[in-house]
């Protein structure tokens, strides 16, 4: 099973990557911009595989740029206490 096949596994994966970035001195602003860039990429290039991904894609596509930045920041907050490390 791929990490993206299960939303809880996906949150753990993102949480681990977030903690890695923070431990390597990446600023919160850089993390926020990266989350925004990833959101853009996922919404246009990756097929949603579950209901959660479909909902996030639909929210992203309905939002303007300011709202997309807010969604990206919320996703970072969502996973900040996740992960296996």
C-alpha atoms as a PDB file:
ATOM      1  CA  UNK A   1       0.000   0.000   0.000  1.00  0.00           C
ATOM      2  CA  UNK A   2       1.314   3.418  -0.962  1.00  0.00           C
ATOM      3  CA  UNK A   3       1.515   6.191   1.627  1.00  0.00           C
ATOM      4  CA  UNK A   4      -0.958   8.202  -0.463  1.00  0.00           C
ATOM      5  CA  UNK A   5      -3.565   5.424  -0.467  1.00  0.00           C
ATOM      6  CA  UNK A   6      -4.490   6.136   3.158  1.00  0.00           C
ATOM      7  CA  UNK A   7      -5.127   9.667   4.465  1.00  0.00           C
ATOM      8  CA  UNK A   8      -3.715   8.932   7.933  1.00  0.00           C
ATOM      9  CA  UNK A   9      -0.525   7.541   6.392  1.00  0.00           C
ATOM     10  CA  UNK A  10      -0.357  10.602   4.140  1.00  0.00           C
ATOM     11  CA  UNK A  11      -0.633  12.931   7.159  1.00  0.00           C
ATOM     12  CA  UNK A  12       2.134  10.978   8.940  1.00  0.00           C
ATOM     13  CA  UNK A  13       4.315  11.222   5.832  1.00  0.00           C
ATOM     14  CA  UNK A  14       3.728  14.984   5.573  1.00  0.00           C
ATOM     15  CA  UNK A  15       4.336  15.412   9.300  1.00  0.00           C
ATOM     16  CA  UNK A  16       7.670  13.624   9.004  1.00  0.00           C
ATOM     17  CA  UNK A  17       8.688  15.830   6.066  1.00  0.00           C
ATOM     18  CA  UNK A  18       7.614  18.950   7.974  1.00  0.00           C
ATOM     19  CA  UNK A  19       9.694  17.954  11.003  1.00  0.00           C
ATOM     20  CA  UNK A  20      12.677  17.196   8.738  1.00  0.00           C
ATOM     21  CA  UNK A  21      12.385  20.661   7.178  1.00  0.00           C
ATOM     22  CA  UNK A  22      12.107  22.373  10.571  1.00  0.00           C
ATOM     23  CA  UNK A  23      15.081  20.412  11.929  1.00  0.00           C
ATOM     24  CA  UNK A  24      17.124  21.510   8.921  1.00  0.00           C
ATOM     25  CA  UNK A  25      16.429  25.183   9.579  1.00  0.00           C
ATOM     26  CA  UNK A  26      13.846  25.807   6.848  1.00  0.00           C
ATOM     27  CA  UNK A  27      11.812  28.881   7.787  1.00  0.00           C
ATOM     28  CA  UNK A  28       8.067  28.793   8.353  1.00  0.00           C
ATOM     29  CA  UNK A  29       7.652  31.161   5.385  1.00  0.00           C
ATOM     30  CA  UNK A  30       9.595  28.790   3.107  1.00  0.00           C
ATOM     31  CA  UNK A  31       7.533  25.841   4.350  1.00  0.00           C
ATOM     32  CA  UNK A  32       4.339  27.805   3.702  1.00  0.00           C
ATOM     33  CA  UNK A  33       5.417  28.653   0.135  1.00  0.00           C
ATOM     34  CA  UNK A  34       6.411  25.053  -0.522  1.00  0.00           C
ATOM     35  CA  UNK A  35       3.027  23.844   0.760  1.00  0.00           C
ATOM     36  CA  UNK A  36       1.340  26.299  -1.618  1.00  0.00           C
ATOM     37  CA  UNK A  37       3.460  25.100  -4.564  1.00  0.00           C
ATOM     38  CA  UNK A  38       2.682  21.467  -3.724  1.00  0.00           C
ATOM     39  CA  UNK A  39      -1.035  22.280  -3.483  1.00  0.00           C
ATOM     40  CA  UNK A  40      -0.939  23.830  -6.950  1.00  0.00           C
ATOM     41  CA  UNK A  41       0.899  20.841  -8.360  1.00  0.00           C
ATOM     42  CA  UNK A  42      -1.407  18.284  -6.762  1.00  0.00           C
ATOM     43  CA  UNK A  43      -4.562  20.084  -7.882  1.00  0.00           C
ATOM     44  CA  UNK A  44      -3.524  20.071 -11.537  1.00  0.00           C
ATOM     45  CA  UNK A  45      -1.236  17.077 -11.995  1.00  0.00           C
ATOM     46  CA  UNK A  46      -2.323  14.306  -9.617  1.00  0.00           C
ATOM     47  CA  UNK A  47      -5.533  12.290  -9.793  1.00  0.00           C
ATOM     48  CA  UNK A  48      -7.403  12.262  -6.466  1.00  0.00           C
ATOM     49  CA  UNK A  49      -7.362   8.723  -5.046  1.00  0.00           C
ATOM     50  CA  UNK A  50      -9.779   9.076  -2.138  1.00  0.00           C
ATOM     51  CA  UNK A  51     -12.625  11.260  -0.904  1.00  0.00           C
ATOM     52  CA  UNK A  52     -10.333  13.448   1.201  1.00  0.00           C
ATOM     53  CA  UNK A  53      -8.063  14.218  -1.747  1.00  0.00           C
ATOM     54  CA  UNK A  54     -11.088  14.985  -3.936  1.00  0.00           C
ATOM     55  CA  UNK A  55     -12.465  17.369  -1.318  1.00  0.00           C
ATOM     56  CA  UNK A  56      -9.117  19.137  -0.929  1.00  0.00           C
ATOM     57  CA  UNK A  57      -8.737  19.442  -4.705  1.00  0.00           C
ATOM     58  CA  UNK A  58     -12.251  20.878  -5.030  1.00  0.00           C
ATOM     59  CA  UNK A  59     -11.624  23.376  -2.221  1.00  0.00           C
ATOM     60  CA  UNK A  60      -8.289  24.366  -3.776  1.00  0.00           C
ATOM     61  CA  UNK A  61      -9.809  24.860  -7.214  1.00  0.00           C
ATOM     62  CA  UNK A  62     -12.697  26.947  -5.836  1.00  0.00           C
ATOM     63  CA  UNK A  63     -10.339  29.223  -3.872  1.00  0.00           C
ATOM     64  CA  UNK A  64      -8.555  32.348  -5.027  1.00  0.00           C
ATOM     65  CA  UNK A  65      -4.789  32.666  -4.478  1.00  0.00           C
ATOM     66  CA  UNK A  66      -5.124  34.179  -0.993  1.00  0.00           C
ATOM     67  CA  UNK A  67      -7.469  31.394   0.051  1.00  0.00           C
ATOM     68  CA  UNK A  68      -5.136  28.776  -1.460  1.00  0.00           C
ATOM     69  CA  UNK A  69      -2.318  30.129   0.717  1.00  0.00           C
ATOM     70  CA  UNK A  70      -4.663  29.780   3.702  1.00  0.00           C
ATOM     71  CA  UNK A  71      -5.457  26.168   2.751  1.00  0.00           C
ATOM     72  CA  UNK A  72      -1.732  25.421   2.427  1.00  0.00           C
ATOM     73  CA  UNK A  73      -1.078  26.924   5.870  1.00  0.00           C
ATOM     74  CA  UNK A  74      -3.952  24.928   7.367  1.00  0.00           C
ATOM     75  CA  UNK A  75      -2.513  21.726   5.876  1.00  0.00           C
ATOM     76  CA  UNK A  76       0.839  22.524   7.516  1.00  0.00           C
ATOM     77  CA  UNK A  77      -0.953  23.036  10.854  1.00  0.00           C
ATOM     78  CA  UNK A  78      -2.918  19.824  10.324  1.00  0.00           C
ATOM     79  CA  UNK A  79       0.249  17.732  10.077  1.00  0.00           C
ATOM     80  CA  UNK A  80       2.501  19.551  12.560  1.00  0.00           C
ATOM     81  CA  UNK A  81       1.609  17.031  15.285  1.00  0.00           C
ATOM     82  CA  UNK A  82       1.629  14.039  12.955  1.00  0.00           C
ATOM     83  CA  UNK A  83       4.412  11.745  11.881  1.00  0.00           C
ATOM     84  CA  UNK A  84       6.307   8.751  13.078  1.00  0.00           C
ATOM     85  CA  UNK A  85       9.500  10.512  14.145  1.00  0.00           C
END
